[in-house]
Amino acid sequence: MQSGSDARRGGIVCLLALTALAQIAPTSAETVKGKALVDLNGMTLYVSDRDTAGKSHCNAQCTVSWPLLIADTDAQQASGSFSFISRDDGRKQWAYKGKPLYTWAKDKKPGGRKRRRRE
């Protein structure tokens, strides 16, 4: 999830059939390809192969294409497979099994999943 040629090597994987989102906590919903983890607006959530547990490598221009799932400042402690990571700018981002969560800017309606991997 970086710009230029680095972006083409990184992968984005859609999370399927899970429960738990931004302001509150992620949840699961039906999408065009089955159940997926979604945000409060029903938009599909993704993780990046380039991220490591507890650290997002998506910054600057990357966040235009892959908006971050930011937790509200008063979000309660996450539980189960969900947690928060601390971003370099001090904001909290939702994570699944330690991997930061994102939406895809080109998913235009809830439940969309036109891209499974970032090329």
Protein backbone atom coordinates (compact mmCIF):
# COMPACT_ATOMS: atom_id res chain seq x y z
CA MET A 1 0.00 0.00 0.00
CA GLN A 2 2.62 2.46 -1.03
CA SER A 3 2.86 4.69 -4.04
CA GLY A 4 4.61 3.86 -7.29
CA SER A 5 6.10 0.45 -8.00
CA ASP A 6 6.12 -0.48 -4.30
CA ALA A 7 2.32 -0.40 -4.33
CA ARG A 8 2.19 -2.99 -7.09
CA ARG A 9 4.15 -5.49 -5.01
CA GLY A 10 2.01 -5.15 -1.88
CA GLY A 11 -1.21 -7.08 -1.44
CA ILE A 12 -4.53 -6.28 0.15
CA VAL A 13 -6.61 -9.10 1.51
CA CYS A 14 -10.33 -8.80 2.20
CA LEU A 15 -11.43 -10.10 5.59
CA LEU A 16 -14.26 -12.59 5.29
CA ALA A 17 -16.91 -13.93 7.66
CA LEU A 18 -15.93 -12.17 10.88
CA THR A 19 -17.63 -9.99 13.44
CA ALA A 20 -16.66 -6.74 15.07
CA LEU A 21 -15.65 -1.15 13.29
CA ALA A 22 -14.28 2.74 13.26
CA GLN A 23 -16.30 4.75 15.68
CA ILE A 24 -17.66 1.68 17.43
CA ALA A 25 -16.21 -1.68 16.33
CA PRO A 26 -16.27 -3.63 13.01
CA THR A 27 -19.10 -6.03 12.18
CA SER A 28 -19.86 -8.61 9.49
CA ALA A 29 -22.32 -8.21 6.63
CA GLU A 30 -23.27 -9.81 3.34
CA THR A 31 -21.31 -8.50 0.34
CA VAL A 32 -21.46 -9.35 -3.35
CA LYS A 33 -19.03 -12.21 -2.62
CA GLY A 34 -20.32 -13.44 0.74
CA LYS A 35 -19.80 -12.30 4.32
CA ALA A 36 -17.06 -9.78 5.03
CA LEU A 37 -15.92 -7.51 7.81
CA VAL A 38 -17.43 -4.02 7.33
CA ASP A 39 -17.38 -0.56 8.91
CA LEU A 40 -20.36 1.40 10.27
CA ASN A 41 -21.36 2.39 6.73
CA GLY A 42 -21.27 -1.21 5.50
CA MET A 43 -18.05 -0.67 3.54
CA THR A 44 -15.79 -3.73 3.23
CA LEU A 45 -12.64 -3.73 5.36
CA TYR A 46 -9.20 -4.87 4.22
CA VAL A 47 -5.75 -5.62 5.64
CA SER A 48 -2.46 -5.12 3.80
CA ASP A 49 0.21 -7.75 3.23
CA ARG A 50 2.76 -4.94 3.60
CA ASP A 51 1.74 -4.12 7.18
CA THR A 52 3.25 -5.90 10.13
CA ALA A 53 1.46 -6.70 13.35
CA GLY A 54 0.93 -3.42 15.18
CA LYS A 55 2.33 -1.17 12.41
CA SER A 56 0.71 0.45 9.36
CA HIS A 57 2.90 1.18 6.36
CA CYS A 58 0.14 3.17 4.67
CA ASN A 59 0.79 6.91 5.00
CA ALA A 60 0.36 10.09 2.95
CA GLN A 61 -0.92 9.35 -0.58
CA CYS A 62 -1.61 5.71 0.28
CA THR A 63 -4.41 6.77 2.65
CA VAL A 64 -6.25 8.45 -0.25
CA SER A 65 -6.78 5.07 -1.92
CA TRP A 66 -6.90 3.08 1.31
CA PRO A 67 -8.69 5.17 3.96
CA LEU A 68 -7.76 4.17 7.49
CA LEU A 69 -10.32 2.75 9.90
CA ILE A 70 -9.64 5.26 12.68
CA ALA A 71 -11.09 4.71 16.13
CA ASP A 72 -12.81 7.57 17.91
CA THR A 73 -10.73 9.10 20.65
CA ASP A 74 -13.25 7.78 23.20
CA ALA A 75 -13.46 4.26 21.70
CA GLN A 76 -13.60 1.55 24.32
CA GLN A 77 -10.97 -1.14 24.68
CA ALA A 78 -11.15 -3.60 21.78
CA SER A 79 -11.63 -7.28 22.52
CA GLY A 80 -11.16 -10.68 20.94
CA SER A 81 -9.32 -10.52 17.61
CA PHE A 82 -9.74 -6.73 17.47
CA SER A 83 -7.32 -4.18 18.84
CA PHE A 84 -6.01 -0.70 18.19
CA ILE A 85 -2.62 0.24 16.81
CA SER A 86 -1.06 3.63 17.47
CA ARG A 87 -0.25 5.53 14.29
CA ASP A 88 2.77 7.82 13.97
CA ASP A 89 0.41 10.83 14.15
CA GLY A 90 -0.98 9.62 17.50
CA ARG A 91 -4.37 8.43 16.22
CA LYS A 92 -5.72 4.96 16.99
CA GLN A 93 -6.50 2.66 14.07
CA TRP A 94 -8.62 -0.48 14.34
CA ALA A 95 -6.72 -3.72 13.73
CA TYR A 96 -7.69 -7.37 13.25
CA LYS A 97 -5.18 -9.82 14.75
CA GLY A 98 -2.76 -6.91 14.97
CA LYS A 99 -3.09 -5.95 11.27
CA PRO A 100 -4.43 -2.41 10.59
CA LEU A 101 -7.86 -2.14 8.90
CA TYR A 102 -8.68 -0.06 5.80
CA THR A 103 -11.51 0.64 3.39
CA TRP A 104 -10.95 0.95 -0.40
CA ALA A 105 -11.77 4.36 -1.86
CA LYS A 106 -13.17 2.86 -5.07
CA ASP A 107 -15.73 0.73 -3.21
CA LYS A 108 -18.63 3.08 -3.89
CA LYS A 109 -21.46 1.29 -2.10
CA PRO A 110 -21.81 -0.89 0.98
CA GLY A 111 -20.85 -4.50 0.46
CA GLY A 112 -18.69 -3.74 -2.57
CA ARG A 113 -15.68 -5.93 -3.16
CA LYS A 114 -14.51 -5.31 -6.67
CA ARG A 115 -10.82 -5.72 -5.79
CA ARG A 116 -9.41 -8.48 -3.70
CA ARG A 117 -5.71 -7.72 -4.19
CA ARG A 118 -3.90 -4.55 -4.97
CA GLU A 119 -1.80 -5.01 -8.11
